[in-house]
Amino acid sequence: MSKAPDSQITSEEEYRHIFEAASDGLVIYDIEMDRVIEANPAACKMHGYTRQEFIGLDPKVFMLPESHDSFMEHVRTVEAGGAFESLVVHLRKDGSPFHVEVRRSAINYRGRPCLLSVIRDVSQRIQTEKTLSGQIKAQMREQATLLAISHTLASTLEFQPGLILDQLHEIIEYTHSGLFALDGSTLVTLAMRGTGELEEAAPIRIPLGTPENLTALFNGHRPIRIADVWSDSPQAQFVRSLLEDGAAVLLKGIHSWMWVPLAVKSRIIGGVGIAHEKRNYFTPHHADLALSVGNQAAITMINAELYGHAQALAVLEERQRLARDLHDAINQSLFSAGLIAEVLPRLWDRDQDEGRRSLEDLRRLTRGAMAEMRALLAELRPSTLIDTDLGDLLRLLGNAFTGRTNIPVKMTVTGEGTLPAEVQVGVYRVCQEALNNIAKHAKARQVEMDVQHDLRRLELRIRDDGRGFDISEPMAPGHYGLSMMRERAEAVGALLSITSQPGHGTELKLRWTAAGKKEAL
């Protein structure tokens, strides 16, 4: 037997040293024997075997059963001269799985066809990726929830304190919570979530006592986290001192406590208290999330307050308008009727024909005052504008107009059926404004009003024989009637057109269909 050259031995020893020192696992698999015939220390260690145990193993022993077929497919691919890389799961000797990246290629080892597998343990990387992926998904869910909360709270002008707590629970789990408003130097619960006992105890009033307590509680508009409200920490003792007597129910069965102040600019308006039965439950991230919801809730509370003020102001302005109408129309008609009634006996004695004409004027004035009063009563009861037949409403407007101006209104109403409430109110307002414009500007002798409608369609025409105007000229300052009528028509999906010429009167047409489509007039 010939002896191998020294250079060949040296080369094999160098390769062996590299093989043994590699940080990746190296496994040589004999294809024909279907056995591992060589493995480096790294491969043995990551699989939990000694070298003596690993050599001679069927590779399927340290693979998942569902990977066996793919492994044989890799062997066939490599035999055909290819290479294969994959991310698979291997099994340790104790049966525990771990993720590996494997690159397999064909080699000739000691004259036999073999498969060399380069194995890298990537379990830590996979776990890190899963953790990061979970964190990213959690953050995306939180951001989506915060966006939904912001949209929900911003889309309503009606303040719903319970909704704020329900939305908060979407991103922060709590045992119970409360939304508080600051009333002077006292916190008052607006909504509670938690146990039945807690919700039945509402409203709860918490006197803050001194300005120093208020300053401490609102903490520079930063959340306060208390790991255990029953501990001896100064913050825990401070909270317990506030939640005494009737407010003690807020501490029942809980340990972790978080307080989120609600403020807009420098104005403190309330706060959100959140509690959990576990100790040290709330994290700084929870505090950031709660503050985000709290800031949106504070804006919602301010908006609701401003909306309430706006509604009160609108009611006041409407009452003032009705008072002006009452004074300008009815008072004037009754004053004129009173003068006629006072002189009528003497006028009758002197000239009965003239007396009859005065009696007719008296009848017209009183009927007009009654119609005007009914119209004002309808204004005071908005449901009347919805529940009353449209034809009756428009006749009421026409009678009031005639009584106020002595201009007759020839009215034709055809069709029947109940229109949508907003459409009926819109049509009523357009007619009301049109008649007001005629009374103020047209100097008309007669008005014609024609209405045709059913459940799905309405056509309205109002024409006067007044002085008309040039519609191409801009309106004089302070004359907003036409623009107001167009806005009301557009609001209910109707189309309004106005035609007029100087000396030839004015005609208004309005058309509405149930589909809300605006048709050409």
Protein backbone atom coordinates (compact mmCIF):
# COMPACT_ATOMS: atom_id res chain seq x y z
CA MET A 1 0.00 0.00 0.00
CA SER A 2 1.40 3.35 -1.01
CA LYS A 3 1.71 6.04 1.56
CA ALA A 4 -0.05 9.40 1.05
CA PRO A 5 2.28 12.28 0.40
CA ASP A 6 3.07 14.55 3.35
CA SER A 7 1.54 17.54 1.49
CA GLN A 8 -1.82 15.72 1.11
CA ILE A 9 -1.83 14.87 4.84
CA THR A 10 -1.02 18.44 5.76
CA SER A 11 -3.82 19.73 3.52
CA GLU A 12 -6.36 17.35 5.04
CA GLU A 13 -5.31 18.40 8.56
CA GLU A 14 -5.81 22.05 7.59
CA TYR A 15 -9.28 21.32 6.24
CA ARG A 16 -10.06 19.30 9.36
CA HIS A 17 -9.02 22.24 11.53
CA ILE A 18 -11.30 24.58 9.55
CA PHE A 19 -14.11 22.02 9.72
CA GLU A 20 -13.80 21.67 13.48
CA ALA A 21 -13.44 25.41 14.16
CA ALA A 22 -16.41 26.60 12.04
CA SER A 23 -19.12 28.41 14.03
CA ASP A 24 -21.84 27.10 11.72
CA GLY A 25 -22.80 23.46 11.97
CA LEU A 26 -21.27 21.28 9.26
CA VAL A 27 -22.80 17.84 8.62
CA ILE A 28 -21.71 15.34 5.96
CA TYR A 29 -24.43 12.94 4.92
CA ASP A 30 -23.66 9.77 2.92
CA ILE A 31 -26.40 9.58 0.30
CA GLU A 32 -26.14 5.82 -0.32
CA MET A 33 -25.79 4.86 3.35
CA ASP A 34 -28.50 7.37 4.39
CA ARG A 35 -26.43 8.23 7.44
CA VAL A 36 -24.44 11.11 8.94
CA ILE A 37 -20.78 10.22 8.56
CA GLU A 38 -19.21 13.41 9.85
CA ALA A 39 -20.21 16.45 11.91
CA ASN A 40 -18.30 19.30 13.50
CA PRO A 41 -18.64 20.33 17.18
CA ALA A 42 -20.96 23.23 16.35
CA ALA A 43 -23.48 20.88 14.67
CA CYS A 44 -23.32 18.40 17.56
CA LYS A 45 -23.77 21.13 20.18
CA MET A 46 -26.76 22.85 18.54
CA HIS A 47 -28.53 19.47 18.23
CA GLY A 48 -27.62 18.35 21.78
CA TYR A 49 -25.61 15.22 20.84
CA THR A 50 -22.06 14.10 21.45
CA ARG A 51 -20.04 13.47 18.33
CA GLN A 52 -20.23 9.73 18.92
CA GLU A 53 -24.08 9.96 19.16
CA PHE A 54 -24.43 12.18 16.11
CA ILE A 55 -22.27 10.12 13.75
CA GLY A 56 -24.38 7.39 12.21
CA LEU A 57 -27.75 9.12 12.74
CA ASP A 58 -30.41 9.09 10.06
CA PRO A 59 -30.91 12.87 9.35
CA LYS A 60 -34.65 12.41 9.64
CA VAL A 61 -34.15 11.90 13.38
CA PHE A 62 -33.40 15.60 13.92
CA MET A 63 -36.02 16.88 11.46
CA LEU A 64 -39.74 17.38 11.81
CA PRO A 65 -41.78 14.57 10.22
CA GLU A 66 -43.35 17.00 7.74
CA SER A 67 -39.83 17.93 6.54
CA HIS A 68 -38.80 14.40 5.51
CA ASP A 69 -40.22 14.55 1.99
CA SER A 70 -38.68 17.96 1.31
CA PHE A 71 -35.31 16.68 2.57
CA MET A 72 -35.38 13.82 0.06
CA GLU A 73 -36.32 16.32 -2.64
CA HIS A 74 -33.27 18.38 -1.65
CA VAL A 75 -31.07 15.27 -1.95
CA ARG A 76 -32.31 14.65 -5.50
CA THR A 77 -31.80 18.30 -6.40
CA VAL A 78 -28.23 18.26 -5.10
CA GLU A 79 -27.42 14.95 -6.86
CA ALA A 80 -28.40 16.64 -10.10
CA GLY A 81 -25.68 19.22 -9.52
CA GLY A 82 -27.69 21.91 -7.80
CA ALA A 83 -27.63 23.50 -4.36
CA PHE A 84 -30.45 24.26 -2.02
CA GLU A 85 -31.06 26.79 0.73
CA SER A 86 -34.02 26.76 3.07
CA LEU A 87 -35.29 27.85 6.46
CA VAL A 88 -36.45 24.78 8.38
CA VAL A 89 -37.04 23.53 11.91
CA HIS A 90 -34.67 20.96 13.43
CA LEU A 91 -35.11 18.94 16.60
CA ARG A 92 -32.66 18.66 19.46
CA LYS A 93 -31.97 15.38 21.21
CA ASP A 94 -34.50 16.35 23.90
CA GLY A 95 -37.17 16.93 21.24
CA SER A 96 -37.22 20.73 21.47
CA PRO A 97 -37.46 22.51 18.09
CA PHE A 98 -35.25 25.32 16.83
CA HIS A 99 -35.05 27.29 13.58
CA VAL A 100 -32.09 26.82 11.26
CA GLU A 101 -30.94 28.05 7.89
CA VAL A 102 -29.55 25.15 5.85
CA ARG A 103 -27.51 25.22 2.65
CA ARG A 104 -26.98 21.83 1.07
CA SER A 105 -24.56 20.98 -1.75
CA ALA A 106 -22.99 17.81 -3.18
CA ILE A 107 -19.40 16.83 -2.34
CA ASN A 108 -17.20 13.81 -2.86
CA TYR A 109 -15.95 12.73 0.52
CA ARG A 110 -13.35 9.98 0.63
CA GLY A 111 -14.51 8.70 -2.71
CA ARG A 112 -18.24 8.55 -1.84
CA PRO A 113 -21.11 10.77 -3.02
CA CYS A 114 -22.17 12.85 -0.04
CA LEU A 115 -24.24 15.84 0.92
CA LEU A 116 -22.67 18.72 2.84
CA SER A 117 -25.14 20.69 4.98
CA VAL A 118 -24.11 24.06 6.37
CA ILE A 119 -26.45 24.72 9.32
CA ARG A 120 -26.89 28.05 11.11
CA ASP A 121 -29.02 28.38 14.25
CA VAL A 122 -31.32 31.37 13.63
CA SER A 123 -33.74 30.78 16.52
CA GLN A 124 -32.80 34.02 18.25
CA ARG A 125 -33.17 35.98 15.02
CA ILE A 126 -36.56 34.39 14.30
CA GLN A 127 -37.71 35.09 17.83
CA THR A 128 -36.52 38.70 17.57
CA GLU A 129 -38.32 39.08 14.25
CA LYS A 130 -41.50 37.62 15.75
CA THR A 131 -41.22 39.93 18.73
CA LEU A 132 -40.65 42.95 16.50
CA SER A 133 -43.46 41.86 14.21
CA GLY A 134 -45.76 41.48 17.20
CA GLN A 135 -44.75 44.89 18.48
CA ILE A 136 -45.29 46.46 15.06
CA LYS A 137 -48.71 44.81 14.75
CA ALA A 138 -49.60 45.94 18.27
CA GLN A 139 -48.51 49.49 17.47
CA MET A 140 -50.49 49.42 14.23
CA ARG A 141 -53.56 48.21 16.13
CA GLU A 142 -53.05 50.93 18.71
CA GLN A 143 -52.63 53.61 16.05
CA ALA A 144 -55.68 52.36 14.17
CA THR A 145 -57.67 52.33 17.42
CA LEU A 146 -56.48 55.83 18.34
CA LEU A 147 -57.48 57.03 14.87
CA ALA A 148 -60.89 55.38 15.24
CA ILE A 149 -61.30 56.93 18.70
CA SER A 150 -60.33 60.35 17.36
CA HIS A 151 -62.79 59.99 14.50
CA THR A 152 -65.57 58.76 16.80
CA LEU A 153 -65.09 61.56 19.32
CA ALA A 154 -64.66 64.23 16.64
CA SER A 155 -67.69 63.13 14.62
CA THR A 156 -70.22 63.97 17.30
CA LEU A 157 -71.08 67.28 18.90
CA GLU A 158 -73.09 65.53 21.59
CA PHE A 159 -70.90 64.82 24.61
CA GLN A 160 -71.01 61.11 25.54
CA PRO A 161 -68.74 60.51 28.57
CA GLY A 162 -69.43 56.76 28.64
CA LEU A 163 -68.25 56.50 25.03
CA ILE A 164 -64.87 57.95 25.99
CA LEU A 165 -64.33 55.25 28.66
CA ASP A 166 -65.51 52.52 26.29
CA GLN A 167 -63.10 53.71 23.61
CA LEU A 168 -60.26 53.87 26.14
CA HIS A 169 -60.87 50.22 27.07
CA GLU A 170 -60.15 49.31 23.43
CA ILE A 171 -56.44 50.02 23.94
CA ILE A 172 -55.93 49.78 27.73
CA GLU A 173 -57.42 46.97 29.75
CA TYR A 174 -58.64 48.16 33.14
CA THR A 175 -60.68 46.86 36.05
CA HIS A 176 -62.62 50.06 36.40
CA SER A 177 -62.43 53.69 35.32
CA GLY A 178 -64.12 57.04 35.76
CA LEU A 179 -64.39 60.27 33.81
CA PHE A 180 -64.43 63.37 36.01
CA ALA A 181 -65.31 67.01 35.38
CA LEU A 182 -63.91 69.81 37.49
CA ASP A 183 -66.73 71.80 39.08
CA GLY A 184 -65.12 74.65 40.98
CA SER A 185 -62.77 72.83 43.38
CA THR A 186 -64.66 69.50 43.21
CA LEU A 187 -64.27 66.55 40.85
CA VAL A 188 -67.61 65.06 39.78
CA THR A 189 -67.98 61.75 37.96
CA LEU A 190 -69.63 62.01 34.54
CA ALA A 191 -69.40 58.28 33.77
CA MET A 192 -68.12 55.12 35.48
CA ARG A 193 -67.12 51.71 34.15
CA GLY A 194 -66.43 48.63 36.26
CA THR A 195 -68.44 46.79 38.87
CA GLY A 196 -72.18 47.27 39.30
CA GLU A 197 -71.57 48.67 42.77
CA LEU A 198 -69.25 51.29 41.33
CA GLU A 199 -71.61 52.36 38.54
CA GLU A 200 -74.55 52.57 40.95
CA ALA A 201 -72.51 54.85 43.23
CA ALA A 202 -72.29 57.57 40.56
CA PRO A 203 -72.23 60.49 40.65
CA ILE A 204 -69.32 60.69 43.05
CA ARG A 205 -68.05 64.06 44.26
CA ILE A 206 -64.44 64.45 45.35
CA PRO A 207 -63.62 67.76 47.09
CA LEU A 208 -60.03 68.77 46.34
CA GLY A 209 -59.81 71.22 49.22
CA THR A 210 -56.77 73.37 48.63
CA PRO A 211 -55.32 74.77 45.39
CA GLU A 212 -52.18 72.79 46.19
CA ASN A 213 -54.15 69.55 45.89
CA LEU A 214 -55.45 70.64 42.48
CA THR A 215 -51.91 71.46 41.33
CA ALA A 216 -50.58 68.12 42.59
CA LEU A 217 -53.39 66.14 40.98
CA PHE A 218 -52.98 67.76 37.58
CA ASN A 219 -49.21 67.28 37.72
CA GLY A 220 -48.30 69.70 34.93
CA HIS A 221 -50.70 67.90 32.56
CA ARG A 222 -48.74 64.65 32.89
CA PRO A 223 -50.22 61.27 33.83
CA ILE A 224 -49.67 59.90 37.34
CA ARG A 225 -48.92 56.15 37.70
CA ILE A 226 -49.09 54.43 41.07
CA ALA A 227 -47.88 50.83 41.25
CA ASP A 228 -49.89 50.07 44.40
CA VAL A 229 -52.37 52.57 45.74
CA TRP A 230 -52.19 50.82 49.14
CA SER A 231 -48.44 51.35 49.49
CA ASP A 232 -46.72 53.97 51.64
CA SER A 233 -45.52 56.06 48.68
CA PRO A 234 -46.41 59.78 48.92
CA GLN A 235 -48.54 59.63 45.76
CA ALA A 236 -50.49 56.60 47.03
CA GLN A 237 -51.14 58.32 50.35
CA PHE A 238 -52.24 61.48 48.49
CA VAL A 239 -54.79 59.56 46.36
CA ARG A 240 -56.14 57.71 49.40
CA SER A 241 -56.57 61.01 51.22
CA LEU A 242 -58.73 62.32 48.37
CA LEU A 243 -60.81 59.17 47.90
CA GLU A 244 -62.38 59.00 51.32
CA ASP A 245 -65.95 58.50 52.48
CA GLY A 246 -68.25 58.19 49.45
CA ALA A 247 -65.35 58.02 47.00
CA ALA A 248 -63.69 55.05 48.72
CA VAL A 249 -65.57 52.69 46.40
CA LEU A 250 -63.13 53.77 43.68
CA LEU A 251 -60.33 51.93 45.51
CA LYS A 252 -62.23 48.74 46.25
CA GLY A 253 -60.47 45.65 44.87
CA ILE A 254 -57.74 47.50 42.97
CA HIS A 255 -54.01 48.15 43.34
CA SER A 256 -52.64 49.89 40.23
CA TRP A 257 -53.89 53.41 39.67
CA MET A 258 -53.37 55.86 36.83
CA TRP A 259 -54.68 59.42 36.62
CA VAL A 260 -54.78 61.35 33.34
CA PRO A 261 -55.56 65.08 33.68
CA LEU A 262 -57.79 66.68 31.05
CA ALA A 263 -56.81 70.20 30.09
CA VAL A 264 -56.97 72.47 27.07
CA LYS A 265 -54.18 75.04 27.05
CA SER A 266 -54.09 76.37 30.60
CA ARG A 267 -57.67 75.41 31.45
CA ILE A 268 -58.13 72.29 33.60
CA ILE A 269 -61.50 70.69 32.86
CA GLY A 270 -61.36 67.24 34.47
CA GLY A 271 -59.54 63.93 34.42
CA VAL A 272 -59.73 60.20 33.81
CA GLY A 273 -58.99 57.73 36.62
CA ILE A 274 -58.04 54.19 35.55
CA ALA A 275 -57.52 51.29 37.95
CA HIS A 276 -56.45 47.65 37.75
CA GLU A 277 -56.59 44.84 40.27
CA LYS A 278 -52.96 43.84 39.59
CA ARG A 279 -50.01 45.66 41.12
CA ASN A 280 -47.65 47.65 38.92
CA TYR A 281 -49.88 47.06 35.90
CA PHE A 282 -49.75 50.36 34.05
CA THR A 283 -46.61 51.08 31.99
CA PRO A 284 -45.25 54.36 30.60
CA HIS A 285 -46.65 53.25 27.25
CA HIS A 286 -50.11 52.92 28.83
CA ALA A 287 -49.70 56.46 30.13
CA ASP A 288 -48.85 57.77 26.66
CA LEU A 289 -51.88 56.03 25.14
CA ALA A 290 -54.21 57.27 27.88
CA LEU A 291 -52.91 60.82 27.49
CA SER A 292 -53.59 60.66 23.73
CA VAL A 293 -57.19 59.63 24.38
CA GLY A 294 -57.45 62.15 27.22
CA ASN A 295 -56.34 65.05 25.00
CA GLN A 296 -58.95 64.11 22.41
CA ALA A 297 -61.58 63.75 25.15
CA ALA A 298 -60.73 67.20 26.50
CA ILE A 299 -61.23 68.74 23.05
CA THR A 300 -64.52 66.87 22.71
CA MET A 301 -65.70 68.21 26.06
CA ILE A 302 -64.82 71.77 25.05
CA ASN A 303 -66.50 71.35 21.66
CA ALA A 304 -69.65 70.00 23.34
CA GLU A 305 -69.62 72.96 25.69
CA LEU A 306 -69.23 75.42 22.81
CA TYR A 307 -71.96 73.61 20.87
CA GLY A 308 -74.27 73.94 23.88
CA HIS A 309 -73.55 77.66 24.04
CA ALA A 310 -74.18 77.96 20.29
CA GLN A 311 -77.51 76.16 20.64
CA ALA A 312 -78.53 78.44 23.50
CA LEU A 313 -77.52 81.48 21.45
CA ALA A 314 -79.46 80.17 18.43
CA VAL A 315 -82.56 79.71 20.59
CA LEU A 316 -82.17 83.23 21.93
CA GLU A 317 -81.73 84.67 18.42
CA GLU A 318 -84.80 82.77 17.19
CA ARG A 319 -86.87 84.10 20.07
CA GLN A 320 -85.70 87.62 19.28
CA ARG A 321 -86.64 87.16 15.61
CA LEU A 322 -90.09 85.89 16.54
CA ALA A 323 -90.52 88.83 18.90
CA ARG A 324 -89.61 91.24 16.09
CA ASP A 325 -92.05 89.50 13.73
CA LEU A 326 -94.75 89.64 16.37
CA HIS A 327 -94.15 93.34 16.85
CA ASP A 328 -93.74 94.23 13.17
CA ALA A 329 -96.61 92.20 11.74
CA ILE A 330 -99.27 91.32 14.28
CA ASN A 331 -98.92 94.43 16.42
CA GLN A 332 -99.18 96.62 13.35
CA SER A 333 -102.25 94.73 12.08
CA LEU A 334 -103.98 94.88 15.46
CA PHE A 335 -103.14 98.57 15.82
CA SER A 336 -104.69 99.29 12.39
CA ALA A 337 -107.71 97.13 13.24
CA GLY A 338 -108.13 99.04 16.50
CA LEU A 339 -108.17 102.39 14.67
CA ILE A 340 -110.76 101.16 12.17
CA ALA A 341 -112.95 99.74 14.94
CA GLU A 342 -112.75 103.05 16.80
CA VAL A 343 -113.93 105.19 13.86
CA LEU A 344 -116.29 102.66 12.30
CA PRO A 345 -119.50 103.68 14.20
CA ARG A 346 -119.16 107.33 13.12
CA LEU A 347 -118.15 106.30 9.59
CA TRP A 348 -121.20 104.02 9.32
CA ASP A 349 -123.56 106.80 10.35
CA ARG A 350 -122.10 109.10 7.72
CA ASP A 351 -121.54 106.70 4.76
CA GLN A 352 -122.59 103.04 4.91
CA ASP A 353 -120.74 102.10 1.68
CA GLU A 354 -117.52 103.48 3.11
CA GLY A 355 -118.35 101.69 6.35
CA ARG A 356 -118.70 98.37 4.54
CA ARG A 357 -115.29 98.87 2.93
CA SER A 358 -113.82 99.57 6.36
CA LEU A 359 -115.51 96.45 7.71
CA GLU A 360 -113.85 94.46 4.91
CA ASP A 361 -110.49 96.02 5.85
CA LEU A 362 -111.13 95.09 9.49
CA ARG A 363 -111.96 91.51 8.52
CA ARG A 364 -108.80 91.29 6.38
CA LEU A 365 -106.60 92.68 9.14
CA THR A 366 -107.95 90.35 11.82
CA ARG A 367 -107.74 87.32 9.53
CA GLY A 368 -104.20 88.28 8.59
CA ALA A 369 -103.24 88.71 12.25
CA MET A 370 -104.68 85.29 13.06
CA ALA A 371 -102.79 83.70 10.14
CA GLU A 372 -99.59 85.45 11.20
CA MET A 373 -100.07 84.19 14.75
CA ARG A 374 -100.57 80.63 13.53
CA ALA A 375 -97.38 80.89 11.47
CA LEU A 376 -95.45 82.16 14.50
CA LEU A 377 -96.87 79.34 16.62
CA ALA A 378 -95.65 76.90 13.99
CA GLU A 379 -92.20 78.47 14.30
CA LEU A 380 -92.32 77.97 18.06
CA ARG A 381 -93.20 74.30 17.61
CA PRO A 382 -90.85 72.90 14.92
CA SER A 383 -92.73 69.60 14.85
CA THR A 384 -95.66 71.48 13.32
CA LEU A 385 -93.57 72.13 10.20
CA ILE A 386 -93.14 68.37 9.81
CA ASP A 387 -96.51 67.00 10.91
CA THR A 388 -98.73 69.47 9.02
CA ASP A 389 -99.72 68.87 5.40
CA LEU A 390 -97.48 70.87 3.04
CA GLY A 391 -100.44 72.53 1.31
CA ASP A 392 -101.86 73.71 4.65
CA LEU A 393 -98.47 75.09 5.65
CA LEU A 394 -98.11 77.08 2.43
CA ARG A 395 -101.69 78.37 2.67
CA LEU A 396 -100.85 79.52 6.19
CA LEU A 397 -97.87 81.46 4.80
CA GLY A 398 -99.98 82.91 2.01
CA ASN A 399 -102.76 84.04 4.36
CA ALA A 400 -100.26 85.63 6.74
CA PHE A 401 -98.57 87.36 3.79
CA THR A 402 -101.90 88.71 2.52
CA GLY A 403 -102.95 89.89 5.96
CA ARG A 404 -99.65 91.68 6.40
CA THR A 405 -99.38 93.26 2.92
CA ASN A 406 -102.92 93.29 1.50
CA ILE A 407 -101.48 91.49 -1.56
CA PRO A 408 -103.65 88.51 -2.58
CA VAL A 409 -102.04 85.13 -3.09
CA LYS A 410 -103.61 82.82 -5.67
CA MET A 411 -102.59 79.34 -4.52
CA THR A 412 -102.91 75.97 -6.27
CA VAL A 413 -101.84 72.76 -4.53
CA THR A 414 -102.13 69.42 -6.34
CA GLY A 415 -101.01 65.97 -5.26
CA GLU A 416 -100.67 64.32 -1.91
CA GLY A 417 -98.16 62.35 0.11
CA THR A 418 -95.76 63.03 2.94
CA LEU A 419 -92.40 64.45 1.96
CA PRO A 420 -89.23 63.75 3.94
CA ALA A 421 -89.11 66.02 6.98
CA GLU A 422 -86.00 67.93 5.91
CA VAL A 423 -87.45 68.51 2.42
CA GLN A 424 -90.75 69.83 3.77
CA VAL A 425 -88.99 72.21 6.14
CA GLY A 426 -86.65 73.33 3.33
CA VAL A 427 -89.57 74.06 0.97
CA TYR A 428 -91.41 75.94 3.74
CA ARG A 429 -88.35 78.12 4.40
CA VAL A 430 -87.83 78.88 0.71
CA CYS A 431 -91.48 79.95 0.36
CA GLN A 432 -91.26 82.01 3.53
CA GLU A 433 -88.17 83.85 2.31
CA ALA A 434 -89.65 84.33 -1.18
CA LEU A 435 -92.79 85.97 0.24
CA ASN A 436 -90.67 88.15 2.54
CA ASN A 437 -88.68 89.35 -0.47
CA ILE A 438 -91.87 90.16 -2.39
CA ALA A 439 -93.25 92.09 0.58
CA LYS A 440 -90.03 94.10 0.98
CA HIS A 441 -88.94 94.75 -2.60
CA ALA A 442 -91.42 93.76 -5.34
CA LYS A 443 -94.25 96.31 -5.00
CA ALA A 444 -96.48 93.58 -6.44
CA ARG A 445 -100.26 93.64 -6.79
CA GLN A 446 -100.71 89.85 -6.88
CA VAL A 447 -98.78 86.66 -6.20
CA GLU A 448 -99.36 83.20 -7.69
CA MET A 449 -98.11 80.06 -5.94
CA ASP A 450 -98.42 76.62 -7.57
CA VAL A 451 -97.32 73.38 -5.87
CA GLN A 452 -97.39 69.91 -7.40
CA HIS A 453 -96.04 67.03 -5.34
CA ASP A 454 -96.24 63.39 -4.41
CA LEU A 455 -94.06 61.04 -2.36
CA ARG A 456 -91.10 61.25 -4.75
CA ARG A 457 -91.34 64.57 -6.52
CA LEU A 458 -92.11 68.23 -5.90
CA GLU A 459 -92.37 71.26 -8.17
CA LEU A 460 -92.97 74.71 -6.75
CA ARG A 461 -93.58 77.96 -8.68
CA ILE A 462 -93.97 81.41 -7.11
CA ARG A 463 -94.65 84.38 -9.39
CA ASP A 464 -95.35 88.03 -8.67
CA ASP A 465 -96.30 90.92 -10.97
CA GLY A 466 -93.99 93.37 -9.26
CA ARG A 467 -91.24 95.60 -10.55
CA GLY A 468 -88.70 92.80 -11.07
CA PHE A 469 -84.94 93.27 -11.22
CA ASP A 470 -81.89 92.54 -13.34
CA ILE A 471 -80.57 89.19 -12.10
CA SER A 472 -77.17 89.85 -13.73
CA GLU A 473 -76.50 92.73 -11.38
CA PRO A 474 -74.95 92.03 -7.96
CA MET A 475 -77.25 92.19 -4.99
CA ALA A 476 -77.13 95.28 -2.81
CA PRO A 477 -75.29 94.93 0.53
CA GLY A 478 -77.46 93.33 3.19
CA HIS A 479 -79.78 91.61 0.66
CA TYR A 480 -79.16 87.91 1.33
CA GLY A 481 -82.60 86.46 0.58
CA LEU A 482 -81.73 84.88 -2.78
CA SER A 483 -78.53 83.27 -1.53
CA MET A 484 -80.32 81.93 1.55
CA MET A 485 -83.02 80.35 -0.63
CA ARG A 486 -80.40 78.70 -2.85
CA GLU A 487 -78.55 77.32 0.17
CA ARG A 488 -81.76 75.87 1.62
CA ALA A 489 -82.64 74.27 -1.72
CA GLU A 490 -79.17 72.74 -2.15
CA ALA A 491 -79.25 71.40 1.42
CA VAL A 492 -82.20 69.13 0.54
CA GLY A 493 -80.98 68.18 -2.95
CA ALA A 494 -83.30 70.51 -4.86
CA LEU A 495 -82.61 72.92 -7.72
CA LEU A 496 -83.76 76.53 -7.52
CA SER A 497 -84.02 78.91 -10.49
CA ILE A 498 -85.08 82.56 -10.54
CA THR A 499 -86.04 84.56 -13.62
CA SER A 500 -86.82 88.28 -13.60
CA GLN A 501 -86.74 91.40 -15.69
CA PRO A 502 -87.22 95.01 -14.63
CA GLY A 503 -90.93 95.87 -14.94
CA HIS A 504 -92.01 92.28 -15.59
CA GLY A 505 -92.09 90.69 -12.17
CA THR A 506 -90.16 87.70 -10.82
CA GLU A 507 -90.69 83.94 -11.04
CA LEU A 508 -89.11 81.36 -8.74
CA LYS A 509 -89.06 77.63 -9.54
CA LEU A 510 -87.93 74.83 -7.27
CA ARG A 511 -87.74 71.15 -8.21
CA TRP A 512 -86.93 68.15 -6.03
CA THR A 513 -86.92 64.41 -6.67
CA ALA A 514 -86.63 61.60 -4.13
CA ALA A 515 -83.33 60.46 -5.64
CA GLY A 516 -81.90 63.88 -4.81
CA LYS A 517 -81.01 64.46 -8.46
CA LYS A 518 -81.13 68.04 -9.64
CA GLU A 519 -82.98 68.30 -12.92
CA ALA A 520 -82.76 71.14 -15.38
CA LEU A 521 -85.60 73.62 -15.14
